[in-house]
Amino acid sequence: MSDVVQRVIMIASAFSGISAQRLTVSSAIDQDLQIAGEDVADLVEALASEFGEQVRQWPWQRFAMLDEGLSVWFPFMLTWQFLTWPIRGSFSYPNSFERLELGHIAAVIEKGQWFDP
């Protein structure tokens, strides 16, 4: 595992509260680490201070909620989840964000420019 990957995992661990030993290159910032809102801004700031300002220009809004709070549609989605739960077999809040994995963050840093996962 490269030094960049290890450092990205350490930074992500600090913001997610999850032990670095439990994180892998396939851990995603929203889906697995539950980093959202101001925590995303803080994560971006930490990555930018260590790896360069270009990190701020990445399309973070595609991968995590940047605003705090719930969607205005939350009550309707919750009702739909509750009504269809017996049919679907699961009760989960739909996630519209793409996965941004720690390994991809490290690969973009190593390459020096953004590319899609």
PDB file of N, CA and C in Angstrom:
ATOM      1  N   MET A   1       0.854  -1.174   0.000  1.00  0.00           N
ATOM      2  CA  MET A   1       0.000   0.000   0.000  1.00  0.00           C
ATOM      3  C   MET A   1       0.898   1.236   0.000  1.00  0.00           C
ATOM      4  N   SER A   2       0.619   2.169  -0.917  1.00  0.00           N
ATOM      5  CA  SER A   2       1.474   3.349  -1.041  1.00  0.00           C
ATOM      6  C   SER A   2       1.313   4.292   0.150  1.00  0.00           C
ATOM      7  N   ASP A   3       2.275   5.188   0.283  1.00  0.00           N
ATOM      8  CA  ASP A   3       2.221   6.178   1.362  1.00  0.00           C
ATOM      9  C   ASP A   3       1.011   7.089   1.219  1.00  0.00           C
ATOM     10  N   VAL A   4       0.658   7.442  -0.026  1.00  0.00           N
ATOM     11  CA  VAL A   4      -0.498   8.314  -0.256  1.00  0.00           C
ATOM     12  C   VAL A   4      -1.778   7.617   0.183  1.00  0.00           C
ATOM     13  N   VAL A   5      -1.935   6.356  -0.163  1.00  0.00           N
ATOM     14  CA  VAL A   5      -3.116   5.600   0.239  1.00  0.00           C
ATOM     15  C   VAL A   5      -3.207   5.535   1.759  1.00  0.00           C
ATOM     16  N   GLN A   6      -2.104   5.224   2.398  1.00  0.00           N
ATOM     17  CA  GLN A   6      -2.103   5.143   3.864  1.00  0.00           C
ATOM     18  C   GLN A   6      -2.460   6.483   4.494  1.00  0.00           C
ATOM     19  N   ARG A   7      -1.955   7.566   3.936  1.00  0.00           N
ATOM     20  CA  ARG A   7      -2.238   8.891   4.489  1.00  0.00           C
ATOM     21  C   ARG A   7      -3.708   9.284   4.274  1.00  0.00           C
ATOM     22  N   VAL A   8      -4.253   8.969   3.089  1.00  0.00           N
ATOM     23  CA  VAL A   8      -5.677   9.244   2.825  1.00  0.00           C
ATOM     24  C   VAL A   8      -6.542   8.455   3.807  1.00  0.00           C
ATOM     25  N   ILE A   9      -6.192   7.204   4.052  1.00  0.00           N
ATOM     26  CA  ILE A   9      -6.948   6.395   5.011  1.00  0.00           C
ATOM     27  C   ILE A   9      -6.859   6.997   6.408  1.00  0.00           C
ATOM     28  N   MET A  10      -5.694   7.461   6.813  1.00  0.00           N
ATOM     29  CA  MET A  10      -5.547   8.074   8.139  1.00  0.00           C
ATOM     30  C   MET A  10      -6.399   9.338   8.271  1.00  0.00           C
ATOM     31  N   ILE A  11      -6.402  10.173   7.239  1.00  0.00           N
ATOM     32  CA  ILE A  11      -7.196  11.402   7.266  1.00  0.00           C
ATOM     33  C   ILE A  11      -8.683  11.058   7.310  1.00  0.00           C
ATOM     34  N   ALA A  12      -9.117  10.124   6.477  1.00  0.00           N
ATOM     35  CA  ALA A  12     -10.521   9.714   6.458  1.00  0.00           C
ATOM     36  C   ALA A  12     -10.932   9.110   7.799  1.00  0.00           C
ATOM     37  N   SER A  13     -10.046   8.375   8.413  1.00  0.00           N
ATOM     38  CA  SER A  13     -10.322   7.794   9.719  1.00  0.00           C
ATOM     39  C   SER A  13     -10.583   8.876  10.760  1.00  0.00           C
ATOM     40  N   ALA A  14      -9.800   9.935  10.715  1.00  0.00           N
ATOM     41  CA  ALA A  14      -9.968  11.029  11.672  1.00  0.00           C
ATOM     42  C   ALA A  14     -11.328  11.695  11.530  1.00  0.00           C
ATOM     43  N   PHE A  15     -11.851  11.796  10.309  1.00  0.00           N
ATOM     44  CA  PHE A  15     -13.125  12.474  10.094  1.00  0.00           C
ATOM     45  C   PHE A  15     -14.329  11.557  10.218  1.00  0.00           C
ATOM     46  N   SER A  16     -14.115  10.268  10.052  1.00  0.00           N
ATOM     47  CA  SER A  16     -15.245   9.337  10.135  1.00  0.00           C
ATOM     48  C   SER A  16     -15.410   8.753  11.531  1.00  0.00           C
ATOM     49  N   GLY A  17     -14.331   8.758  12.309  1.00  0.00           N
ATOM     50  CA  GLY A  17     -14.387   8.140  13.625  1.00  0.00           C
ATOM     51  C   GLY A  17     -14.225   6.622  13.565  1.00  0.00           C
ATOM     52  N   ILE A  18     -13.924   6.114  12.376  1.00  0.00           N
ATOM     53  CA  ILE A  18     -13.722   4.676  12.192  1.00  0.00           C
ATOM     54  C   ILE A  18     -12.221   4.406  12.216  1.00  0.00           C
ATOM     55  N   SER A  19     -11.825   3.386  12.919  1.00  0.00           N
ATOM     56  CA  SER A  19     -10.415   3.029  13.015  1.00  0.00           C
ATOM     57  C   SER A  19      -9.805   2.825  11.633  1.00  0.00           C
ATOM     58  N   ALA A  20      -8.592   3.323  11.449  1.00  0.00           N
ATOM     59  CA  ALA A  20      -7.898   3.187  10.167  1.00  0.00           C
ATOM     60  C   ALA A  20      -7.704   1.719   9.798  1.00  0.00           C
ATOM     61  N   GLN A  21      -7.599   0.839  10.776  1.00  0.00           N
ATOM     62  CA  GLN A  21      -7.424  -0.587  10.500  1.00  0.00           C
ATOM     63  C   GLN A  21      -8.665  -1.186   9.854  1.00  0.00           C
ATOM     64  N   ARG A  22      -9.831  -0.575  10.072  1.00  0.00           N
ATOM     65  CA  ARG A  22     -11.077  -1.090   9.495  1.00  0.00           C
ATOM     66  C   ARG A  22     -11.365  -0.511   8.117  1.00  0.00           C
ATOM     67  N   LEU A  23     -10.636   0.519   7.709  1.00  0.00           N
ATOM     68  CA  LEU A  23     -10.858   1.140   6.407  1.00  0.00           C
ATOM     69  C   LEU A  23     -10.004   0.466   5.345  1.00  0.00           C
ATOM     70  N   THR A  24     -10.530   0.435   4.120  1.00  0.00           N
ATOM     71  CA  THR A  24      -9.792  -0.144   2.998  1.00  0.00           C
ATOM     72  C   THR A  24      -9.838   0.838   1.835  1.00  0.00           C
ATOM     73  N   VAL A  25      -9.147   0.507   0.768  1.00  0.00           N
ATOM     74  CA  VAL A  25      -9.163   1.361  -0.419  1.00  0.00           C
ATOM     75  C   VAL A  25     -10.544   1.404  -1.053  1.00  0.00           C
ATOM     76  N   SER A  26     -11.393   0.437  -0.769  1.00  0.00           N
ATOM     77  CA  SER A  26     -12.743   0.423  -1.338  1.00  0.00           C
ATOM     78  C   SER A  26     -13.788   1.056  -0.423  1.00  0.00           C
ATOM     79  N   SER A  27     -13.383   1.642   0.695  1.00  0.00           N
ATOM     80  CA  SER A  27     -14.319   2.352   1.566  1.00  0.00           C
ATOM     81  C   SER A  27     -14.714   3.672   0.908  1.00  0.00           C
ATOM     82  N   ALA A  28     -16.021   3.920   0.803  1.00  0.00           N
ATOM     83  CA  ALA A  28     -16.534   5.130   0.155  1.00  0.00           C
ATOM     84  C   ALA A  28     -16.892   6.177   1.208  1.00  0.00           C
ATOM     85  N   ILE A  29     -16.633   7.448   0.895  1.00  0.00           N
ATOM     86  CA  ILE A  29     -16.802   8.501   1.896  1.00  0.00           C
ATOM     87  C   ILE A  29     -18.237   8.653   2.362  1.00  0.00           C
ATOM     88  N   ASP A  30     -19.211   8.504   1.492  1.00  0.00           N
ATOM     89  CA  ASP A  30     -20.608   8.664   1.906  1.00  0.00           C
ATOM     90  C   ASP A  30     -21.210   7.344   2.378  1.00  0.00           C
ATOM     91  N   GLN A  31     -21.143   6.334   1.555  1.00  0.00           N
ATOM     92  CA  GLN A  31     -21.834   5.085   1.829  1.00  0.00           C
ATOM     93  C   GLN A  31     -21.233   4.292   2.983  1.00  0.00           C
ATOM     94  N   ASP A  32     -19.929   4.288   3.123  1.00  0.00           N
ATOM     95  CA  ASP A  32     -19.284   3.478   4.154  1.00  0.00           C
ATOM     96  C   ASP A  32     -18.826   4.288   5.370  1.00  0.00           C
ATOM     97  N   LEU A  33     -18.305   5.483   5.122  1.00  0.00           N
ATOM     98  CA  LEU A  33     -17.760   6.287   6.209  1.00  0.00           C
ATOM     99  C   LEU A  33     -18.778   7.262   6.785  1.00  0.00           C
ATOM    100  N   GLN A  34     -19.891   7.465   6.076  1.00  0.00           N
ATOM    101  CA  GLN A  34     -20.957   8.360   6.529  1.00  0.00           C
ATOM    102  C   GLN A  34     -20.462   9.789   6.746  1.00  0.00           C
ATOM    103  N   ILE A  35     -19.549  10.241   5.885  1.00  0.00           N
ATOM    104  CA  ILE A  35     -19.056  11.610   5.965  1.00  0.00           C
ATOM    105  C   ILE A  35     -19.950  12.487   5.088  1.00  0.00           C
ATOM    106  N   ALA A  36     -20.561  13.516   5.692  1.00  0.00           N
ATOM    107  CA  ALA A  36     -21.484  14.389   4.963  1.00  0.00           C
ATOM    108  C   ALA A  36     -21.456  15.781   5.588  1.00  0.00           C
ATOM    109  N   GLY A  37     -22.013  16.738   4.868  1.00  0.00           N
ATOM    110  CA  GLY A  37     -22.156  18.098   5.377  1.00  0.00           C
ATOM    111  C   GLY A  37     -20.825  18.775   5.647  1.00  0.00           C
ATOM    112  N   GLU A  38     -20.728  19.413   6.796  1.00  0.00           N
ATOM    113  CA  GLU A  38     -19.509  20.132   7.172  1.00  0.00           C
ATOM    114  C   GLU A  38     -18.304  19.206   7.279  1.00  0.00           C
ATOM    115  N   ASP A  39     -18.558  17.941   7.581  1.00  0.00           N
ATOM    116  CA  ASP A  39     -17.449  16.986   7.667  1.00  0.00           C
ATOM    117  C   ASP A  39     -16.775  16.791   6.309  1.00  0.00           C
ATOM    118  N   VAL A  40     -17.558  16.877   5.216  1.00  0.00           N
ATOM    119  CA  VAL A  40     -16.966  16.790   3.880  1.00  0.00           C
ATOM    120  C   VAL A  40     -16.053  17.983   3.650  1.00  0.00           C
ATOM    121  N   ALA A  41     -16.538  19.180   4.015  1.00  0.00           N
ATOM    122  CA  ALA A  41     -15.722  20.389   3.855  1.00  0.00           C
ATOM    123  C   ALA A  41     -14.433  20.278   4.667  1.00  0.00           C
ATOM    124  N   ASP A  42     -14.524  19.749   5.865  1.00  0.00           N
ATOM    125  CA  ASP A  42     -13.334  19.572   6.699  1.00  0.00           C
ATOM    126  C   ASP A  42     -12.386  18.533   6.113  1.00  0.00           C
ATOM    127  N   LEU A  43     -12.938  17.459   5.563  1.00  0.00           N
ATOM    128  CA  LEU A  43     -12.117  16.437   4.909  1.00  0.00           C
ATOM    129  C   LEU A  43     -11.395  17.025   3.703  1.00  0.00           C
ATOM    130  N   VAL A  44     -12.120  17.781   2.888  1.00  0.00           N
ATOM    131  CA  VAL A  44     -11.517  18.419   1.715  1.00  0.00           C
ATOM    132  C   VAL A  44     -10.405  19.363   2.150  1.00  0.00           C
ATOM    133  N   GLU A  45     -10.644  20.132   3.187  1.00  0.00           N
ATOM    134  CA  GLU A  45      -9.635  21.068   3.695  1.00  0.00           C
ATOM    135  C   GLU A  45      -8.377  20.327   4.152  1.00  0.00           C
ATOM    136  N   ALA A  46      -8.561  19.219   4.857  1.00  0.00           N
ATOM    137  CA  ALA A  46      -7.410  18.438   5.332  1.00  0.00           C
ATOM    138  C   ALA A  46      -6.637  17.834   4.158  1.00  0.00           C
ATOM    139  N   LEU A  47      -7.354  17.303   3.168  1.00  0.00           N
ATOM    140  CA  LEU A  47      -6.687  16.745   1.994  1.00  0.00           C
ATOM    141  C   LEU A  47      -5.969  17.832   1.198  1.00  0.00           C
ATOM    142  N   ALA A  48      -6.614  18.990   1.054  1.00  0.00           N
ATOM    143  CA  ALA A  48      -6.003  20.092   0.291  1.00  0.00           C
ATOM    144  C   ALA A  48      -4.763  20.629   0.993  1.00  0.00           C
ATOM    145  N   SER A  49      -4.791  20.711   2.309  1.00  0.00           N
ATOM    146  CA  SER A  49      -3.624  21.241   3.014  1.00  0.00           C
ATOM    147  C   SER A  49      -2.426  20.298   2.906  1.00  0.00           C
ATOM    148  N   GLU A  50      -2.699  19.018   2.760  1.00  0.00           N
ATOM    149  CA  GLU A  50      -1.598  18.062   2.658  1.00  0.00           C
ATOM    150  C   GLU A  50      -1.187  17.760   1.206  1.00  0.00           C
ATOM    151  N   PHE A  51      -2.165  17.745   0.295  1.00  0.00           N
ATOM    152  CA  PHE A  51      -1.882  17.293  -1.074  1.00  0.00           C
ATOM    153  C   PHE A  51      -2.050  18.356  -2.151  1.00  0.00           C
ATOM    154  N   GLY A  52      -2.505  19.540  -1.798  1.00  0.00           N
ATOM    155  CA  GLY A  52      -2.602  20.608  -2.787  1.00  0.00           C
ATOM    156  C   GLY A  52      -4.013  21.123  -3.005  1.00  0.00           C
ATOM    157  N   GLU A  53      -4.064  22.352  -3.491  1.00  0.00           N
ATOM    158  CA  GLU A  53      -5.330  23.060  -3.667  1.00  0.00           C
ATOM    159  C   GLU A  53      -6.250  22.424  -4.697  1.00  0.00           C
ATOM    160  N   GLN A  54      -5.740  21.636  -5.631  1.00  0.00           N
ATOM    161  CA  GLN A  54      -6.584  21.051  -6.676  1.00  0.00           C
ATOM    162  C   GLN A  54      -7.679  20.164  -6.087  1.00  0.00           C
ATOM    163  N   VAL A  55      -7.488  19.655  -4.877  1.00  0.00           N
ATOM    164  CA  VAL A  55      -8.486  18.798  -4.230  1.00  0.00           C
ATOM    165  C   VAL A  55      -9.813  19.552  -4.063  1.00  0.00           C
ATOM    166  N   ARG A  56      -9.744  20.842  -3.844  1.00  0.00           N
ATOM    167  CA  ARG A  56     -10.965  21.645  -3.676  1.00  0.00           C
ATOM    168  C   ARG A  56     -11.800  21.710  -4.950  1.00  0.00           C
ATOM    169  N   GLN A  57     -11.176  21.486  -6.099  1.00  0.00           N
ATOM    170  CA  GLN A  57     -11.867  21.605  -7.384  1.00  0.00           C
ATOM    171  C   GLN A  57     -12.572  20.319  -7.812  1.00  0.00           C
ATOM    172  N   TRP A  58     -12.406  19.249  -7.084  1.00  0.00           N
ATOM    173  CA  TRP A  58     -13.039  17.987  -7.444  1.00  0.00           C
ATOM    174  C   TRP A  58     -14.559  18.109  -7.316  1.00  0.00           C
ATOM    175  N   PRO A  59     -15.330  17.298  -8.029  1.00  0.00           N
ATOM    176  CA  PRO A  59     -16.805  17.381  -7.978  1.00  0.00           C
ATOM    177  C   PRO A  59     -17.395  16.679  -6.747  1.00  0.00           C
ATOM    178  N   TRP A  60     -17.097  17.191  -5.582  1.00  0.00           N
ATOM    179  CA  TRP A  60     -17.516  16.572  -4.323  1.00  0.00           C
ATOM    180  C   TRP A  60     -19.024  16.401  -4.230  1.00  0.00           C
ATOM    181  N   GLN A  61     -19.806  17.311  -4.842  1.00  0.00           N
ATOM    182  CA  GLN A  61     -21.264  17.266  -4.755  1.00  0.00           C
ATOM    183  C   GLN A  61     -21.837  15.993  -5.394  1.00  0.00           C
ATOM    184  N   ARG A  62     -21.077  15.328  -6.235  1.00  0.00           N
ATOM    185  CA  ARG A  62     -21.529  14.069  -6.840  1.00  0.00           C
ATOM    186  C   ARG A  62     -21.421  12.899  -5.865  1.00  0.00           C
ATOM    187  N   PHE A  63     -20.600  13.052  -4.838  1.00  0.00           N
ATOM    188  CA  PHE A  63     -20.246  11.921  -3.994  1.00  0.00           C
ATOM    189  C   PHE A  63     -20.731  11.996  -2.550  1.00  0.00           C
ATOM    190  N   ALA A  64     -21.153  13.163  -2.101  1.00  0.00           N
ATOM    191  CA  ALA A  64     -21.616  13.304  -0.717  1.00  0.00           C
ATOM    192  C   ALA A  64     -22.468  14.553  -0.579  1.00  0.00           C
ATOM    193  N   MET A  65     -23.368  14.524   0.402  1.00  0.00           N
ATOM    194  CA  MET A  65     -24.198  15.678   0.683  1.00  0.00           C
ATOM    195  C   MET A  65     -23.325  16.763   1.320  1.00  0.00           C
ATOM    196  N   LEU A  66     -23.323  17.933   0.706  1.00  0.00           N
ATOM    197  CA  LEU A  66     -22.496  19.023   1.213  1.00  0.00           C
ATOM    198  C   LEU A  66     -23.254  19.905   2.196  1.00  0.00           C
ATOM    199  N   ASP A  67     -24.581  19.830   2.171  1.00  0.00           N
ATOM    200  CA  ASP A  67     -25.403  20.622   3.079  1.00  0.00           C
ATOM    201  C   ASP A  67     -25.753  19.791   4.303  1.00  0.00           C
ATOM    202  N   GLU A  68     -26.012  20.477   5.382  1.00  0.00           N
ATOM    203  CA  GLU A  68     -26.454  19.804   6.595  1.00  0.00           C
ATOM    204  C   GLU A  68     -27.969  19.618   6.522  1.00  0.00           C
ATOM    205  N   GLY A  69     -28.472  18.621   7.205  1.00  0.00           N
ATOM    206  CA  GLY A  69     -29.913  18.433   7.292  1.00  0.00           C
ATOM    207  C   GLY A  69     -30.444  17.406   6.303  1.00  0.00           C
ATOM    208  N   LEU A  70     -31.769  17.263   6.337  1.00  0.00           N
ATOM    209  CA  LEU A  70     -32.442  16.283   5.496  1.00  0.00           C
ATOM    210  C   LEU A  70     -33.103  16.954   4.308  1.00  0.00           C
ATOM    211  N   SER A  71     -33.358  16.189   3.289  1.00  0.00           N
ATOM    212  CA  SER A  71     -34.063  16.658   2.110  1.00  0.00           C
ATOM    213  C   SER A  71     -35.496  17.036   2.472  1.00  0.00           C
ATOM    214  N   VAL A  72     -36.069  17.986   1.737  1.00  0.00           N
ATOM    215  CA  VAL A  72     -37.472  18.343   1.961  1.00  0.00           C
ATOM    216  C   VAL A  72     -38.391  17.181   1.601  1.00  0.00           C
ATOM    217  N   TRP A  73     -37.897  16.249   0.830  1.00  0.00           N
ATOM    218  CA  TRP A  73     -38.665  15.074   0.428  1.00  0.00           C
ATOM    219  C   TRP A  73     -38.572  13.938   1.437  1.00  0.00           C
ATOM    220  N   PHE A  74     -37.816  14.122   2.507  1.00  0.00           N
ATOM    221  CA  PHE A  74     -37.603  13.048   3.468  1.00  0.00           C
ATOM    222  C   PHE A  74     -38.899  12.437   4.001  1.00  0.00           C
ATOM    223  N   PRO A  75     -39.912  13.224   4.407  1.00  0.00           N
ATOM    224  CA  PRO A  75     -41.148  12.597   4.929  1.00  0.00           C
ATOM    225  C   PRO A  75     -41.815  11.677   3.902  1.00  0.00           C
ATOM    226  N   PHE A  76     -41.801  12.086   2.637  1.00  0.00           N
ATOM    227  CA  PHE A  76     -42.413  11.259   1.598  1.00  0.00           C
ATOM    228  C   PHE A  76     -41.603  10.001   1.334  1.00  0.00           C
ATOM    229  N   MET A  77     -40.279  10.145   1.315  1.00  0.00           N
ATOM    230  CA  MET A  77     -39.419   8.981   1.100  1.00  0.00           C
ATOM    231  C   MET A  77     -39.530   8.002   2.259  1.00  0.00           C
ATOM    232  N   LEU A  78     -39.618   8.536   3.474  1.00  0.00           N
ATOM    233  CA  LEU A  78     -39.757   7.688   4.650  1.00  0.00           C
ATOM    234  C   LEU A  78     -41.068   6.912   4.599  1.00  0.00           C
ATOM    235  N   THR A  79     -42.157   7.599   4.215  1.00  0.00           N
ATOM    236  CA  THR A  79     -43.458   6.932   4.085  1.00  0.00           C
ATOM    237  C   THR A  79     -43.390   5.840   3.028  1.00  0.00           C
ATOM    238  N   TRP A  80     -42.777   6.150   1.875  1.00  0.00           N
ATOM    239  CA  TRP A  80     -42.639   5.152   0.810  1.00  0.00           C
ATOM    240  C   TRP A  80     -41.817   3.959   1.290  1.00  0.00           C
ATOM    241  N   GLN A  81     -40.731   4.212   1.988  1.00  0.00           N
ATOM    242  CA  GLN A  81     -39.897   3.131   2.514  1.00  0.00           C
ATOM    243  C   GLN A  81     -40.710   2.243   3.461  1.00  0.00           C
ATOM    244  N   PHE A  82     -41.499   2.883   4.318  1.00  0.00           N
ATOM    245  CA  PHE A  82     -42.298   2.131   5.287  1.00  0.00           C
ATOM    246  C   PHE A  82     -43.350   1.279   4.587  1.00  0.00           C
ATOM    247  N   LEU A  83     -44.035   1.839   3.584  1.00  0.00           N
ATOM    248  CA  LEU A  83     -45.107   1.114   2.896  1.00  0.00           C
ATOM    249  C   LEU A  83     -44.591  -0.028   2.025  1.00  0.00           C
ATOM    250  N   THR A  84     -43.418   0.140   1.434  1.00  0.00           N
ATOM    251  CA  THR A  84     -42.896  -0.883   0.517  1.00  0.00           C
ATOM    252  C   THR A  84     -41.883  -1.818   1.175  1.00  0.00           C
ATOM    253  N   TRP A  85     -41.584  -1.596   2.434  1.00  0.00           N
ATOM    254  CA  TRP A  85     -40.603  -2.410   3.132  1.00  0.00           C
ATOM    255  C   TRP A  85     -40.912  -3.910   3.069  1.00  0.00           C
ATOM    256  N   PRO A  86     -42.161  -4.350   3.325  1.00  0.00           N
ATOM    257  CA  PRO A  86     -42.424  -5.797   3.271  1.00  0.00           C
ATOM    258  C   PRO A  86     -42.169  -6.402   1.879  1.00  0.00           C
ATOM    259  N   ILE A  87     -42.381  -5.625   0.833  1.00  0.00           N
ATOM    260  CA  ILE A  87     -42.193  -6.123  -0.531  1.00  0.00           C
ATOM    261  C   ILE A  87     -40.704  -6.171  -0.885  1.00  0.00           C
ATOM    262  N   ARG A  88     -39.985  -5.094  -0.534  1.00  0.00           N
ATOM    263  CA  ARG A  88     -38.569  -4.992  -0.886  1.00  0.00           C
ATOM    264  C   ARG A  88     -37.670  -5.785   0.045  1.00  0.00           C
ATOM    265  N   GLY A  89     -38.120  -6.010   1.255  1.00  0.00           N
ATOM    266  CA  GLY A  89     -37.326  -6.773   2.210  1.00  0.00           C
ATOM    267  C   GLY A  89     -36.251  -5.976   2.918  1.00  0.00           C
ATOM    268  N   SER A  90     -36.228  -4.657   2.684  1.00  0.00           N
ATOM    269  CA  SER A  90     -35.244  -3.826   3.384  1.00  0.00           C
ATOM    270  C   SER A  90     -35.846  -2.446   3.637  1.00  0.00           C
ATOM    271  N   PHE A  91     -35.336  -1.802   4.635  1.00  0.00           N
ATOM    272  CA  PHE A  91     -35.786  -0.458   4.993  1.00  0.00           C
ATOM    273  C   PHE A  91     -34.559   0.435   4.976  1.00  0.00           C
ATOM    274  N   SER A  92     -34.411   1.220   3.906  1.00  0.00           N
ATOM    275  CA  SER A  92     -33.226   2.055   3.795  1.00  0.00           C
ATOM    276  C   SER A  92     -33.554   3.360   3.106  1.00  0.00           C
ATOM    277  N   TYR A  93     -32.833   4.387   3.487  1.00  0.00           N
ATOM    278  CA  TYR A  93     -32.980   5.700   2.874  1.00  0.00           C
ATOM    279  C   TYR A  93     -32.244   5.671   1.544  1.00  0.00           C
ATOM    280  N   PRO A  94     -32.920   6.015   0.440  1.00  0.00           N
ATOM    281  CA  PRO A  94     -32.254   5.935  -0.865  1.00  0.00           C
ATOM    282  C   PRO A  94     -31.054   6.874  -0.948  1.00  0.00           C
ATOM    283  N   ASN A  95     -29.991   6.396  -1.543  1.00  0.00           N
ATOM    284  CA  ASN A  95     -28.778   7.182  -1.664  1.00  0.00           C
ATOM    285  C   ASN A  95     -28.514   7.459  -3.139  1.00  0.00           C
ATOM    286  N   SER A  96     -28.509   8.740  -3.505  1.00  0.00           N
ATOM    287  CA  SER A  96     -28.324   9.104  -4.908  1.00  0.00           C
ATOM    288  C   SER A  96     -26.876   9.472  -5.244  1.00  0.00           C
ATOM    289  N   PHE A  97     -25.994   9.359  -4.267  1.00  0.00           N
ATOM    290  CA  PHE A  97     -24.612   9.759  -4.489  1.00  0.00           C
ATOM    291  C   PHE A  97     -23.783   8.621  -5.077  1.00  0.00           C
ATOM    292  N   GLU A  98     -22.848   9.002  -5.940  1.00  0.00           N
ATOM    293  CA  GLU A  98     -21.907   8.039  -6.497  1.00  0.00           C
ATOM    294  C   GLU A  98     -20.895   7.658  -5.410  1.00  0.00           C
ATOM    295  N   ARG A  99     -20.280   6.501  -5.572  1.00  0.00           N
ATOM    296  CA  ARG A  99     -19.249   6.070  -4.620  1.00  0.00           C
ATOM    297  C   ARG A  99     -17.929   6.754  -4.950  1.00  0.00           C
ATOM    298  N   LEU A 100     -17.327   7.350  -3.948  1.00  0.00           N
ATOM    299  CA  LEU A 100     -15.972   7.882  -4.071  1.00  0.00           C
ATOM    300  C   LEU A 100     -15.137   7.150  -3.030  1.00  0.00           C
ATOM    301  N   GLU A 101     -14.353   6.213  -3.508  1.00  0.00           N
ATOM    302  CA  GLU A 101     -13.590   5.356  -2.622  1.00  0.00           C
ATOM    303  C   GLU A 101     -12.235   5.970  -2.287  1.00  0.00           C
ATOM    304  N   LEU A 102     -11.717   5.610  -1.133  1.00  0.00           N
ATOM    305  CA  LEU A 102     -10.445   6.158  -0.670  1.00  0.00           C
ATOM    306  C   LEU A 102      -9.316   5.835  -1.642  1.00  0.00           C
ATOM    307  N   GLY A 103      -9.355   4.665  -2.239  1.00  0.00           N
ATOM    308  CA  GLY A 103      -8.336   4.296  -3.223  1.00  0.00           C
ATOM    309  C   GLY A 103      -8.358   5.218  -4.435  1.00  0.00           C
ATOM    310  N   HIS A 104      -9.563   5.637  -4.838  1.00  0.00           N
ATOM    311  CA  HIS A 104      -9.661   6.551  -5.981  1.00  0.00           C
ATOM    312  C   HIS A 104      -9.133   7.936  -5.599  1.00  0.00           C
ATOM    313  N   ILE A 105      -9.435   8.387  -4.388  1.00  0.00           N
ATOM    314  CA  ILE A 105      -8.900   9.672  -3.920  1.00  0.00           C
ATOM    315  C   ILE A 105      -7.376   9.645  -3.996  1.00  0.00           C
ATOM    316  N   ALA A 106      -6.770   8.570  -3.502  1.00  0.00           N
ATOM    317  CA  ALA A 106      -5.305   8.444  -3.529  1.00  0.00           C
ATOM    318  C   ALA A 106      -4.786   8.390  -4.964  1.00  0.00           C
ATOM    319  N   ALA A 107      -5.485   7.674  -5.854  1.00  0.00           N
ATOM    320  CA  ALA A 107      -5.041   7.578  -7.251  1.00  0.00           C
ATOM    321  C   ALA A 107      -5.078   8.935  -7.944  1.00  0.00           C
ATOM    322  N   VAL A 108      -6.115   9.732  -7.666  1.00  0.00           N
ATOM    323  CA  VAL A 108      -6.210  11.073  -8.261  1.00  0.00           C
ATOM    324  C   VAL A 108      -5.090  11.967  -7.737  1.00  0.00           C
ATOM    325  N   ILE A 109      -4.813  11.863  -6.448  1.00  0.00           N
ATOM    326  CA  ILE A 109      -3.721  12.653  -5.858  1.00  0.00           C
ATOM    327  C   ILE A 109      -2.398  12.259  -6.508  1.00  0.00           C
ATOM    328  N   GLU A 110      -2.163  10.968  -6.668  1.00  0.00           N
ATOM    329  CA  GLU A 110      -0.907  10.507  -7.267  1.00  0.00           C
ATOM    330  C   GLU A 110      -0.781  10.944  -8.732  1.00  0.00           C
ATOM    331  N   LYS A 111      -1.907  10.935  -9.462  1.00  0.00           N
ATOM    332  CA  LYS A 111      -1.884  11.338 -10.862  1.00  0.00           C
ATOM    333  C   LYS A 111      -1.752  12.864 -11.014  1.00  0.00           C
ATOM    334  N   GLY A 112      -2.295  13.597 -10.045  1.00  0.00           N
ATOM    335  CA  GLY A 112      -2.184  15.055 -10.080  1.00  0.00           C
ATOM    336  C   GLY A 112      -3.326  15.770 -10.767  1.00  0.00           C
ATOM    337  N   GLN A 113      -4.331  15.017 -11.229  1.00  0.00           N
ATOM    338  CA  GLN A 113      -5.504  15.647 -11.830  1.00  0.00           C
ATOM    339  C   GLN A 113      -6.699  14.717 -11.679  1.00  0.00           C
ATOM    340  N   TRP A 114      -7.905  15.329 -11.650  1.00  0.00           N
ATOM    341  CA  TRP A 114      -9.128  14.571 -11.457  1.00  0.00           C
ATOM    342  C   TRP A 114      -9.421  13.682 -12.661  1.00  0.00           C
ATOM    343  N   PHE A 115      -9.884  12.468 -12.382  1.00  0.00           N
ATOM    344  CA  PHE A 115     -10.470  11.583 -13.391  1.00  0.00           C
ATOM    345  C   PHE A 115     -11.590  10.821 -12.711  1.00  0.00           C
ATOM    346  N   ASP A 116     -12.629  10.490 -13.471  1.00  0.00           N
ATOM    347  CA  ASP A 116     -13.801   9.831 -12.911  1.00  0.00           C
ATOM    348  C   ASP A 116     -13.493   8.406 -12.458  1.00  0.00           C
ATOM    349  N   PRO A 117     -14.157   8.003 -11.374  1.00  0.00           N
ATOM    350  CA  PRO A 117     -13.980   6.627 -10.898  1.00  0.00           C
ATOM    351  C   PRO A 117     -14.545   5.627 -11.887  1.00  0.00           C
TER     352      PRO A 117
END
